[in-house]
Amino acid sequence: MPRTFAPAPGWSPDGHRITAPLTYSRGSDKTWVYGGLRLRDGVEVTLCAPSRNSEGWIRLLDRIARANPRGPSQVVADNLSSHTSVAVRGWLARHRRIRQVFIPRSACWLNMAEGWWRLLRRAAFAGQTFADAAEIASAVQTATAQLNTRATPWVWGRPPPPTRTLRRRFVYLL
């Protein structure tokens, strides 16, 4: 049915939404945040890199290895191709005590670090506006240091209810 009234503001006479030119830009400068969570004490290791590739992942693995100098370490990772590249496999072959364990596809909720990412995003990015990647890296570094000062062990699931000692009363009927 033809329209007998004027179009609403923001719409063209032929019924299409008017698009305004953008007055802002994200720019070409961006950064990726890599991070790892040590479950036994809740300490995090983070770094920022200009792209999400094997080089950034290996830099994170190096930091994890330095943060845990002795004993075996298992790194729970998602299934990105940069986590299984030839360069990463070569690095892991040279660092035998670091082992990657992959979560199943489409099951990121199994990775306990996902809860920590929520805390980091809130501490580093909530309500912030950044001019460049260096400011983002600074915010991540500051938030990581603050979160590490109050780190506590991470436990999967809810804590068990407190144990109660049940006293049984025996009634003897005679």
C-alpha atoms as a PDB file:
ATOM      1  CA  MET A   1       0.000   0.000   0.000  1.00  0.00           C
ATOM      2  CA  PRO A   2       1.445   3.410  -0.858  1.00  0.00           C
ATOM      3  CA  ARG A   3       2.359   5.697   1.998  1.00  0.00           C
ATOM      4  CA  THR A   4       0.103   8.707   2.417  1.00  0.00           C
ATOM      5  CA  PHE A   5       2.169  10.381   5.138  1.00  0.00           C
ATOM      6  CA  ALA A   6       5.703  11.746   5.323  1.00  0.00           C
ATOM      7  CA  PRO A   7       8.497   9.322   6.245  1.00  0.00           C
ATOM      8  CA  ALA A   8       9.828   9.331   9.792  1.00  0.00           C
ATOM      9  CA  PRO A   9      12.929  11.419  10.500  1.00  0.00           C
ATOM     10  CA  GLY A  10      16.087   9.523   9.609  1.00  0.00           C
ATOM     11  CA  TRP A  11      14.482   7.717   6.674  1.00  0.00           C
ATOM     12  CA  SER A  12      14.690   8.655   3.024  1.00  0.00           C
ATOM     13  CA  PRO A  13      11.535   9.310   0.952  1.00  0.00           C
ATOM     14  CA  ASP A  14      11.953   5.901  -0.717  1.00  0.00           C
ATOM     15  CA  GLY A  15      11.932   4.139   2.696  1.00  0.00           C
ATOM     16  CA  HIS A  16      15.640   3.467   3.283  1.00  0.00           C
ATOM     17  CA  ARG A  17      17.550   4.381   6.417  1.00  0.00           C
ATOM     18  CA  ILE A  18      19.826   7.386   5.951  1.00  0.00           C
ATOM     19  CA  THR A  19      23.429   6.530   6.678  1.00  0.00           C
ATOM     20  CA  ALA A  20      25.580   9.233   8.162  1.00  0.00           C
ATOM     21  CA  PRO A  21      29.320   9.320   7.572  1.00  0.00           C
ATOM     22  CA  LEU A  22      31.318   8.010  10.511  1.00  0.00           C
ATOM     23  CA  THR A  23      32.987  10.687  12.592  1.00  0.00           C
ATOM     24  CA  TYR A  24      35.315   8.300  14.398  1.00  0.00           C
ATOM     25  CA  SER A  25      37.658   5.480  13.526  1.00  0.00           C
ATOM     26  CA  ARG A  26      39.205   2.574  15.358  1.00  0.00           C
ATOM     27  CA  GLY A  27      42.424   3.324  13.532  1.00  0.00           C
ATOM     28  CA  SER A  28      45.021   0.910  12.313  1.00  0.00           C
ATOM     29  CA  ASP A  29      46.729   0.551  15.702  1.00  0.00           C
ATOM     30  CA  LYS A  30      45.486  -2.496  17.598  1.00  0.00           C
ATOM     31  CA  THR A  31      46.826  -5.009  20.077  1.00  0.00           C
ATOM     32  CA  TRP A  32      46.062  -8.517  21.271  1.00  0.00           C
ATOM     33  CA  VAL A  33      46.187  -9.472  24.934  1.00  0.00           C
ATOM     34  CA  TYR A  34      47.676 -12.851  25.815  1.00  0.00           C
ATOM     35  CA  GLY A  35      47.368 -14.244  29.298  1.00  0.00           C
ATOM     36  CA  GLY A  36      47.833 -17.246  31.504  1.00  0.00           C
ATOM     37  CA  LEU A  37      46.469 -18.109  34.944  1.00  0.00           C
ATOM     38  CA  ARG A  38      48.275 -20.321  37.456  1.00  0.00           C
ATOM     39  CA  LEU A  39      45.447 -22.098  39.243  1.00  0.00           C
ATOM     40  CA  ARG A  40      47.287 -23.103  42.424  1.00  0.00           C
ATOM     41  CA  ASP A  41      47.750 -19.507  43.596  1.00  0.00           C
ATOM     42  CA  GLY A  42      45.755 -17.363  41.123  1.00  0.00           C
ATOM     43  CA  VAL A  43      48.760 -15.461  39.734  1.00  0.00           C
ATOM     44  CA  GLU A  44      48.427 -14.224  36.156  1.00  0.00           C
ATOM     45  CA  VAL A  45      50.960 -13.625  33.408  1.00  0.00           C
ATOM     46  CA  THR A  46      49.978 -11.262  30.589  1.00  0.00           C
ATOM     47  CA  LEU A  47      51.501  -9.572  27.581  1.00  0.00           C
ATOM     48  CA  CYS A  48      50.309  -7.555  24.610  1.00  0.00           C
ATOM     49  CA  ALA A  49      51.305  -8.223  21.007  1.00  0.00           C
ATOM     50  CA  PRO A  50      50.496  -6.456  17.725  1.00  0.00           C
ATOM     51  CA  SER A  51      48.916  -9.583  16.206  1.00  0.00           C
ATOM     52  CA  ARG A  52      47.467 -12.930  17.196  1.00  0.00           C
ATOM     53  CA  ASN A  53      49.992 -15.376  15.837  1.00  0.00           C
ATOM     54  CA  SER A  54      52.521 -18.024  16.849  1.00  0.00           C
ATOM     55  CA  GLU A  55      55.143 -15.441  17.780  1.00  0.00           C
ATOM     56  CA  GLY A  56      52.871 -13.884  20.438  1.00  0.00           C
ATOM     57  CA  TRP A  57      51.888 -17.317  21.757  1.00  0.00           C
ATOM     58  CA  ILE A  58      55.547 -18.333  22.073  1.00  0.00           C
ATOM     59  CA  ARG A  59      56.277 -15.098  23.956  1.00  0.00           C
ATOM     60  CA  LEU A  60      53.502 -16.014  26.405  1.00  0.00           C
ATOM     61  CA  LEU A  61      54.861 -19.561  26.745  1.00  0.00           C
ATOM     62  CA  ASP A  62      58.296 -18.056  27.517  1.00  0.00           C
ATOM     63  CA  ARG A  63      56.772 -15.928  30.272  1.00  0.00           C
ATOM     64  CA  ILE A  64      54.918 -18.928  31.663  1.00  0.00           C
ATOM     65  CA  ALA A  65      58.144 -20.945  31.689  1.00  0.00           C
ATOM     66  CA  ARG A  66      59.996 -18.137  33.520  1.00  0.00           C
ATOM     67  CA  ALA A  67      57.146 -17.729  36.028  1.00  0.00           C
ATOM     68  CA  ASN A  68      57.265 -21.491  36.752  1.00  0.00           C
ATOM     69  CA  PRO A  69      60.998 -22.315  36.694  1.00  0.00           C
ATOM     70  CA  ARG A  70      60.785 -25.847  38.107  1.00  0.00           C
ATOM     71  CA  GLY A  71      58.584 -28.843  37.558  1.00  0.00           C
ATOM     72  CA  PRO A  72      56.152 -29.705  34.806  1.00  0.00           C
ATOM     73  CA  SER A  73      53.519 -27.190  33.685  1.00  0.00           C
ATOM     74  CA  GLN A  74      50.394 -27.863  31.700  1.00  0.00           C
ATOM     75  CA  VAL A  75      49.010 -25.034  29.598  1.00  0.00           C
ATOM     76  CA  VAL A  76      45.298 -25.361  28.837  1.00  0.00           C
ATOM     77  CA  ALA A  77      44.719 -23.793  25.427  1.00  0.00           C
ATOM     78  CA  ASP A  78      41.916 -23.404  22.937  1.00  0.00           C
ATOM     79  CA  ASN A  79      42.201 -24.727  19.409  1.00  0.00           C
ATOM     80  CA  LEU A  80      43.655 -21.746  17.553  1.00  0.00           C
ATOM     81  CA  SER A  81      45.956 -22.609  14.694  1.00  0.00           C
ATOM     82  CA  SER A  82      48.683 -20.449  16.260  1.00  0.00           C
ATOM     83  CA  HIS A  83      48.763 -22.842  19.244  1.00  0.00           C
ATOM     84  CA  THR A  84      49.668 -25.821  17.059  1.00  0.00           C
ATOM     85  CA  SER A  85      51.951 -24.228  14.471  1.00  0.00           C
ATOM     86  CA  VAL A  86      55.349 -25.623  13.524  1.00  0.00           C
ATOM     87  CA  ALA A  87      57.092 -22.854  15.494  1.00  0.00           C
ATOM     88  CA  VAL A  88      55.086 -23.636  18.645  1.00  0.00           C
ATOM     89  CA  ARG A  89      55.681 -27.385  18.306  1.00  0.00           C
ATOM     90  CA  GLY A  90      59.404 -26.691  17.940  1.00  0.00           C
ATOM     91  CA  TRP A  91      59.391 -24.505  21.041  1.00  0.00           C
ATOM     92  CA  LEU A  92      57.547 -27.188  23.017  1.00  0.00           C
ATOM     93  CA  ALA A  93      60.055 -29.822  21.837  1.00  0.00           C
ATOM     94  CA  ARG A  94      62.876 -27.696  23.299  1.00  0.00           C
ATOM     95  CA  HIS A  95      60.953 -27.101  26.557  1.00  0.00           C
ATOM     96  CA  ARG A  96      59.825 -30.589  27.520  1.00  0.00           C
ATOM     97  CA  ARG A  97      58.420 -29.620  30.936  1.00  0.00           C
ATOM     98  CA  ILE A  98      55.779 -27.350  29.313  1.00  0.00           C
ATOM     99  CA  ARG A  99      52.888 -29.288  27.816  1.00  0.00           C
ATOM    100  CA  GLN A 100      49.795 -28.008  26.026  1.00  0.00           C
ATOM    101  CA  VAL A 101      46.405 -29.529  26.751  1.00  0.00           C
ATOM    102  CA  PHE A 102      43.562 -28.535  24.454  1.00  0.00           C
ATOM    103  CA  ILE A 103      39.957 -28.042  25.487  1.00  0.00           C
ATOM    104  CA  PRO A 104      37.288 -29.540  23.223  1.00  0.00           C
ATOM    105  CA  ARG A 105      35.976 -27.341  20.442  1.00  0.00           C
ATOM    106  CA  SER A 106      33.026 -25.117  21.417  1.00  0.00           C
ATOM    107  CA  ALA A 107      33.658 -25.693  25.121  1.00  0.00           C
ATOM    108  CA  CYS A 108      35.495 -22.560  26.252  1.00  0.00           C
ATOM    109  CA  TRP A 109      33.608 -22.719  29.551  1.00  0.00           C
ATOM    110  CA  LEU A 110      35.844 -25.666  30.511  1.00  0.00           C
ATOM    111  CA  ASN A 111      38.851 -23.339  30.602  1.00  0.00           C
ATOM    112  CA  MET A 112      39.052 -21.861  34.117  1.00  0.00           C
ATOM    113  CA  ALA A 113      40.953 -18.855  32.766  1.00  0.00           C
ATOM    114  CA  GLU A 114      37.762 -17.567  31.099  1.00  0.00           C
ATOM    115  CA  GLY A 115      36.524 -16.329  34.491  1.00  0.00           C
ATOM    116  CA  TRP A 116      39.832 -14.569  35.023  1.00  0.00           C
ATOM    117  CA  TRP A 117      39.521 -12.842  31.618  1.00  0.00           C
ATOM    118  CA  ARG A 118      36.264 -11.314  32.833  1.00  0.00           C
ATOM    119  CA  LEU A 119      38.079  -9.896  35.873  1.00  0.00           C
ATOM    120  CA  LEU A 120      40.942  -8.550  33.747  1.00  0.00           C
ATOM    121  CA  ARG A 121      38.612  -6.878  31.235  1.00  0.00           C
ATOM    122  CA  ARG A 122      36.710  -5.193  34.042  1.00  0.00           C
ATOM    123  CA  ALA A 123      39.893  -4.083  35.855  1.00  0.00           C
ATOM    124  CA  ALA A 124      41.759  -2.889  32.748  1.00  0.00           C
ATOM    125  CA  PHE A 125      39.155  -1.739  30.245  1.00  0.00           C
ATOM    126  CA  ALA A 126      35.844  -0.835  31.936  1.00  0.00           C
ATOM    127  CA  GLY A 127      34.991   2.807  31.304  1.00  0.00           C
ATOM    128  CA  GLN A 128      38.318   3.513  29.603  1.00  0.00           C
ATOM    129  CA  THR A 129      39.181   5.161  26.309  1.00  0.00           C
ATOM    130  CA  PHE A 130      42.620   4.452  24.884  1.00  0.00           C
ATOM    131  CA  ALA A 131      44.575   6.559  22.434  1.00  0.00           C
ATOM    132  CA  ASP A 132      46.870   3.798  21.207  1.00  0.00           C
ATOM    133  CA  ALA A 133      48.102   0.261  21.780  1.00  0.00           C
ATOM    134  CA  ALA A 134      50.724   1.434  24.293  1.00  0.00           C
ATOM    135  CA  GLU A 135      47.967   2.714  26.590  1.00  0.00           C
ATOM    136  CA  ILE A 136      46.158  -0.624  26.326  1.00  0.00           C
ATOM    137  CA  ALA A 137      49.368  -2.485  27.196  1.00  0.00           C
ATOM    138  CA  SER A 138      49.915  -0.177  30.169  1.00  0.00           C
ATOM    139  CA  ALA A 139      46.347  -0.743  31.400  1.00  0.00           C
ATOM    140  CA  VAL A 140      46.772  -4.519  31.076  1.00  0.00           C
ATOM    141  CA  GLN A 141      50.089  -4.437  32.942  1.00  0.00           C
ATOM    142  CA  THR A 142      48.637  -2.302  35.759  1.00  0.00           C
ATOM    143  CA  ALA A 143      45.490  -4.432  36.073  1.00  0.00           C
ATOM    144  CA  THR A 144      47.549  -7.642  36.103  1.00  0.00           C
ATOM    145  CA  ALA A 145      49.769  -6.289  38.895  1.00  0.00           C
ATOM    146  CA  GLN A 146      46.714  -5.225  40.907  1.00  0.00           C
ATOM    147  CA  LEU A 147      44.958  -8.569  40.432  1.00  0.00           C
ATOM    148  CA  ASN A 148      48.141 -10.447  41.379  1.00  0.00           C
ATOM    149  CA  THR A 149      48.388  -8.593  44.710  1.00  0.00           C
ATOM    150  CA  ARG A 150      45.122 -10.185  45.836  1.00  0.00           C
ATOM    151  CA  ALA A 151      45.391 -13.480  43.950  1.00  0.00           C
ATOM    152  CA  THR A 152      43.855 -16.582  45.478  1.00  0.00           C
ATOM    153  CA  PRO A 153      43.764 -20.196  44.258  1.00  0.00           C
ATOM    154  CA  TRP A 154      41.168 -21.013  41.626  1.00  0.00           C
ATOM    155  CA  VAL A 155      38.919 -23.979  42.270  1.00  0.00           C
ATOM    156  CA  TRP A 156      36.584 -25.524  39.726  1.00  0.00           C
ATOM    157  CA  GLY A 157      32.924 -25.314  40.716  1.00  0.00           C
ATOM    158  CA  ARG A 158      31.382 -24.288  43.980  1.00  0.00           C
ATOM    159  CA  PRO A 159      33.161 -24.863  47.249  1.00  0.00           C
ATOM    160  CA  PRO A 160      31.863 -27.845  49.189  1.00  0.00           C
ATOM    161  CA  PRO A 161      29.492 -27.110  52.043  1.00  0.00           C
ATOM    162  CA  PRO A 162      31.096 -26.990  55.470  1.00  0.00           C
ATOM    163  CA  THR A 163      31.312 -30.385  57.073  1.00  0.00           C
ATOM    164  CA  ARG A 164      29.203 -30.860  60.112  1.00  0.00           C
ATOM    165  CA  THR A 165      29.778 -33.480  62.669  1.00  0.00           C
ATOM    166  CA  LEU A 166      26.529 -35.211  63.280  1.00  0.00           C
ATOM    167  CA  ARG A 167      25.914 -36.345  66.786  1.00  0.00           C
ATOM    168  CA  ARG A 168      23.624 -39.243  66.855  1.00  0.00           C
ATOM    169  CA  ARG A 169      21.388 -39.658  69.774  1.00  0.00           C
ATOM    170  CA  PHE A 170      20.273 -43.068  70.591  1.00  0.00           C
ATOM    171  CA  VAL A 171      17.061 -43.495  72.434  1.00  0.00           C
ATOM    172  CA  TYR A 172      16.520 -46.766  74.174  1.00  0.00           C
ATOM    173  CA  LEU A 173      12.990 -47.794  74.650  1.00  0.00           C
ATOM    174  CA  LEU A 174      12.428 -50.234  77.417  1.00  0.00           C
END
